[in-house]
């Protein structure tokens, strides 16, 4: 997995082609969508298999936002309330009181 500024530019026929190409790899840490149509950007973001999708921006992080990837780009979520699941285990304890 490359951690650095990378730009991949490939020709495409339609948005579905772009989504298929973006999802056709073993990684899914983050993705960015650049568009004039914000609604289209949200529709694309919903279909991308990436832990973070930025629309018309990149590298926006906040401690309240969960961070982590899909596929081979992560083991869970850091930051945000989702991180509690990563660092805790649920346990049930039952005791007869009488």
Protein backbone atom coordinates (compact mmCIF):
# COMPACT_ATOMS: atom_id res chain seq x y z
CA UNK A 1 0.00 0.00 0.00
CA UNK A 2 1.49 3.34 -1.03
CA UNK A 3 1.28 6.16 1.52
CA UNK A 4 1.99 9.26 -0.49
CA UNK A 5 0.49 11.58 -3.03
CA UNK A 6 -0.69 9.39 -5.89
CA UNK A 7 -2.80 10.41 -8.85
CA UNK A 8 -4.26 7.68 -11.02
CA UNK A 9 -5.81 8.91 -14.24
CA UNK A 10 -7.52 6.44 -16.54
CA UNK A 11 -10.02 6.89 -19.34
CA UNK A 12 -13.58 5.79 -18.56
CA UNK A 13 -16.88 5.46 -20.36
CA UNK A 14 -19.32 6.28 -17.55
CA UNK A 15 -19.57 6.64 -13.78
CA UNK A 16 -20.31 2.95 -13.26
CA UNK A 17 -17.06 2.14 -15.07
CA UNK A 18 -15.14 4.46 -12.72
CA UNK A 19 -16.70 2.89 -9.62
CA UNK A 20 -15.96 -0.63 -10.86
CA UNK A 21 -12.32 0.28 -11.58
CA UNK A 22 -11.89 2.00 -8.22
CA UNK A 23 -13.31 -0.98 -6.33
CA UNK A 24 -11.31 -3.56 -8.30
CA UNK A 25 -8.30 -3.77 -6.01
CA UNK A 26 -7.36 -5.30 -2.68
CA UNK A 27 -7.11 -1.96 -0.85
CA UNK A 28 -9.70 0.50 0.32
CA UNK A 29 -8.23 3.08 2.68
CA UNK A 30 -9.48 6.30 1.10
CA UNK A 31 -10.79 7.80 -2.12
CA UNK A 32 -11.61 11.25 -3.44
CA UNK A 33 -14.34 12.31 -5.83
CA UNK A 34 -14.08 15.59 -7.70
CA UNK A 35 -17.31 16.81 -9.28
CA UNK A 36 -19.46 19.88 -9.85
CA UNK A 37 -22.56 17.80 -9.00
CA UNK A 38 -22.58 17.23 -5.22
CA UNK A 39 -25.50 14.79 -5.42
CA UNK A 40 -23.57 12.67 -7.91
CA UNK A 41 -20.55 12.84 -5.61
CA UNK A 42 -22.59 11.41 -2.73
CA UNK A 43 -24.02 8.64 -4.93
CA UNK A 44 -20.51 7.67 -6.02
CA UNK A 45 -19.16 7.85 -2.45
CA UNK A 46 -21.87 5.45 -1.27
CA UNK A 47 -20.70 2.86 -3.82
CA UNK A 48 -16.95 3.14 -3.25
CA UNK A 49 -15.44 0.43 -1.03
CA UNK A 50 -13.18 2.78 0.92
CA UNK A 51 -13.08 3.68 4.59
CA UNK A 52 -13.00 7.41 3.85
CA UNK A 53 -14.32 9.20 0.78
CA UNK A 54 -13.67 12.90 0.32
CA UNK A 55 -15.81 14.93 -2.07
CA UNK A 56 -14.08 17.95 -3.63
CA UNK A 57 -11.36 17.85 -0.95
CA UNK A 58 -8.74 15.49 0.44
CA UNK A 59 -6.91 14.71 3.68
CA UNK A 60 -9.66 16.11 5.90
CA UNK A 61 -9.39 14.45 9.32
CA UNK A 62 -11.16 15.05 12.60
CA UNK A 63 -10.93 13.11 15.86
CA UNK A 64 -14.70 12.57 15.80
CA UNK A 65 -14.60 10.86 12.38
CA UNK A 66 -13.82 7.15 12.27
CA UNK A 67 -10.67 6.33 10.31
CA UNK A 68 -9.83 2.97 8.78
CA UNK A 69 -9.98 1.13 5.51
CA UNK A 70 -11.90 -1.64 3.83
CA UNK A 71 -10.49 -4.89 2.50
CA UNK A 72 -6.72 -5.16 3.15
CA UNK A 73 -6.44 -1.55 4.29
CA UNK A 74 -7.49 -1.90 7.88
CA UNK A 75 -8.33 -3.89 10.95
CA UNK A 76 -11.10 -1.70 12.29
CA UNK A 77 -11.75 1.95 12.96
CA UNK A 78 -9.59 4.41 14.82
CA UNK A 79 -11.05 7.62 16.22
CA UNK A 80 -14.73 8.39 16.62
CA UNK A 81 -17.04 6.32 18.79
CA UNK A 82 -16.46 3.36 16.43
CA UNK A 83 -12.98 3.02 17.95
CA UNK A 84 -14.56 1.84 21.21
CA UNK A 85 -15.55 -1.39 19.46
CA UNK A 86 -11.93 -1.93 18.42
CA UNK A 87 -10.59 -1.64 21.97
CA UNK A 88 -13.36 -3.35 23.91
CA UNK A 89 -15.01 -6.75 24.07
CA UNK A 90 -18.63 -7.35 24.95
CA UNK A 91 -19.26 -9.79 27.76
CA UNK A 92 -22.44 -11.04 29.40
CA UNK A 93 -22.32 -11.97 33.08
CA UNK A 94 -25.28 -13.69 34.73
CA UNK A 95 -25.54 -14.34 38.46
CA UNK A 96 -28.31 -15.95 40.47
CA UNK A 97 -28.96 -13.66 43.43
CA UNK A 98 -31.27 -15.88 45.44
